[in-house]
């Protein structure tokens, strides 16, 4: 999902069609994944705050 959204620049409806899922479910899963990734990166950086997930969440 991240590859489709970030690197392939697919829209949420396009990703939903590819994955045969509901668009709202894809958006929710994407946001959860970005949040989880942000927490993992935060832990990897030794606890320093990482704000990059805000930019990813704002993309529609």
C-alpha atoms as a PDB file:
ATOM      1  CA  UNK A   1       0.000   0.000   0.000  1.00  0.00           C
ATOM      2  CA  UNK A   2       2.797   2.421   0.848  1.00  0.00           C
ATOM      3  CA  UNK A   3       4.556   1.729  -2.437  1.00  0.00           C
ATOM      4  CA  UNK A   4       1.352   2.324  -4.391  1.00  0.00           C
ATOM      5  CA  UNK A   5       0.567   5.549  -2.540  1.00  0.00           C
ATOM      6  CA  UNK A   6       3.997   7.119  -2.141  1.00  0.00           C
ATOM      7  CA  UNK A   7       6.109   5.876  -5.027  1.00  0.00           C
ATOM      8  CA  UNK A   8       3.467   5.058  -7.633  1.00  0.00           C
ATOM      9  CA  UNK A   9       1.367   8.098  -6.586  1.00  0.00           C
ATOM     10  CA  UNK A  10      -1.901   6.189  -6.830  1.00  0.00           C
ATOM     11  CA  UNK A  11      -5.062   7.724  -5.397  1.00  0.00           C
ATOM     12  CA  UNK A  12      -6.962   6.013  -2.601  1.00  0.00           C
ATOM     13  CA  UNK A  13      -9.755   4.919  -4.979  1.00  0.00           C
ATOM     14  CA  UNK A  14      -7.149   3.430  -7.332  1.00  0.00           C
ATOM     15  CA  UNK A  15      -5.461   1.569  -4.471  1.00  0.00           C
ATOM     16  CA  UNK A  16      -8.849   0.334  -3.249  1.00  0.00           C
ATOM     17  CA  UNK A  17      -9.585  -1.056  -6.696  1.00  0.00           C
ATOM     18  CA  UNK A  18      -6.180  -2.731  -6.956  1.00  0.00           C
ATOM     19  CA  UNK A  19      -6.546  -4.301  -3.498  1.00  0.00           C
ATOM     20  CA  UNK A  20     -10.264  -5.034  -3.987  1.00  0.00           C
ATOM     21  CA  UNK A  21     -11.087  -3.104  -0.801  1.00  0.00           C
ATOM     22  CA  UNK A  22     -13.366  -0.245   0.229  1.00  0.00           C
ATOM     23  CA  UNK A  23     -11.803   3.228  -0.225  1.00  0.00           C
ATOM     24  CA  UNK A  24     -12.495   4.193   3.398  1.00  0.00           C
ATOM     25  CA  UNK A  25     -10.852   0.971   4.608  1.00  0.00           C
ATOM     26  CA  UNK A  26      -7.770   1.724   2.500  1.00  0.00           C
ATOM     27  CA  UNK A  27      -7.534   5.265   3.914  1.00  0.00           C
ATOM     28  CA  UNK A  28      -7.851   3.982   7.467  1.00  0.00           C
ATOM     29  CA  UNK A  29      -5.220   1.277   6.927  1.00  0.00           C
ATOM     30  CA  UNK A  30      -2.894   3.817   5.295  1.00  0.00           C
ATOM     31  CA  UNK A  31      -3.184   6.234   8.228  1.00  0.00           C
ATOM     32  CA  UNK A  32      -2.574   3.428  10.721  1.00  0.00           C
ATOM     33  CA  UNK A  33       0.445   2.261   8.737  1.00  0.00           C
ATOM     34  CA  UNK A  34       1.906   5.783   8.546  1.00  0.00           C
ATOM     35  CA  UNK A  35       1.396   6.248  12.298  1.00  0.00           C
ATOM     36  CA  UNK A  36       3.074   2.922  13.022  1.00  0.00           C
ATOM     37  CA  UNK A  37       5.953   3.760  10.678  1.00  0.00           C
ATOM     38  CA  UNK A  38       6.384   7.135  12.397  1.00  0.00           C
ATOM     39  CA  UNK A  39       6.579   5.437  15.798  1.00  0.00           C
ATOM     40  CA  UNK A  40       9.120   2.938  14.485  1.00  0.00           C
ATOM     41  CA  UNK A  41      11.264   5.720  13.039  1.00  0.00           C
ATOM     42  CA  UNK A  42      10.950   7.667  16.269  1.00  0.00           C
ATOM     43  CA  UNK A  43      12.205   4.668  18.247  1.00  0.00           C
ATOM     44  CA  UNK A  44      14.998   4.113  15.724  1.00  0.00           C
ATOM     45  CA  UNK A  45      16.178   7.707  16.126  1.00  0.00           C
ATOM     46  CA  UNK A  46      16.503   7.275  19.862  1.00  0.00           C
ATOM     47  CA  UNK A  47      13.248   8.909  20.811  1.00  0.00           C
ATOM     48  CA  UNK A  48      13.663  12.201  18.970  1.00  0.00           C
ATOM     49  CA  UNK A  49      10.404  13.489  17.575  1.00  0.00           C
ATOM     50  CA  UNK A  50       9.738  12.688  13.933  1.00  0.00           C
ATOM     51  CA  UNK A  51       7.129  14.837  12.197  1.00  0.00           C
ATOM     52  CA  UNK A  52       7.297  13.434   8.654  1.00  0.00           C
ATOM     53  CA  UNK A  53       4.070  11.480   9.017  1.00  0.00           C
ATOM     54  CA  UNK A  54       2.062  14.742   9.034  1.00  0.00           C
ATOM     55  CA  UNK A  55       3.089  15.484   5.460  1.00  0.00           C
ATOM     56  CA  UNK A  56       2.172  11.976   4.369  1.00  0.00           C
ATOM     57  CA  UNK A  57      -1.229  12.113   6.039  1.00  0.00           C
ATOM     58  CA  UNK A  58      -2.112  15.437   4.371  1.00  0.00           C
ATOM     59  CA  UNK A  59      -1.788  14.003   0.856  1.00  0.00           C
ATOM     60  CA  UNK A  60      -5.207  13.179  -0.559  1.00  0.00           C
END
